[in-house]
Amino acid sequence: MTEPSSEPIEPDGAAPAAGEAEDARDAEARRRTGLKVLVVLGLTLALLMLIFGATTSRNYKQFEDYRRVTLEDPQSPPAWEREQLDVDGCVDAVLDWIEACPGVSSWCEGSLPDVTNLCLGSVDSRSYCEDAGEEIGSTRFGYQACAERYDEIEEHYARRAAKKHCALIYRVIAGHCRDELSGAR
């Protein structure tokens, strides 16, 4: 009695040709290689996500520490608590604060209104707001004051960031003045 062949039998009863068996082995090898590639890609992606997450967490902690130390620490109070500032002094103090701010710029810029309002809350801004009058409603409010500040900056990207930050600060001042003049404060 003969042993059955391990070769698959074709529908017509004949054993597959040697080329077809090689094709099947090649297909299996490609499938295994594809799985290995997917596993390597998956592990690489997981590693990159871990590195990115750890870096982002570390940067956010640095930002939060900076924010806490510069705004809430009684041992090193912000400029507006150490000395009497006017509104322009607040602009300078807040620009200094954001310039030193570590971490992702959007975190710092997101804190800009709060920091500006903290400073404005410590100054008597009524006369400034009354002098500004209707100008606070203009999109050019603070433009000239900002231009004088950032014209002194030589580096292109630093100047561009200063323009953006200064404009944001003056938008907050405009809102503060609107509230101040309407009696909401």
Foldseek 3Di string as FASTA:
>chain_A
DDDDDPFDADPVRHGDDPVVVVVVVVVVVVVVVVVVVVVVVVVVVVVVVVVVVVVQVVQVVQQVVLCCCAPPDPVHYQPLVVDPDALLRLLVSLLVSLVPGTHDSVVSLVCSLVSLVVSVVSYDCQVVLVVCPPVLVDLCQCVVVLCVVLVVPDDDVVSVVSNVSSSSSSNSVSVVSVCVVVVVD
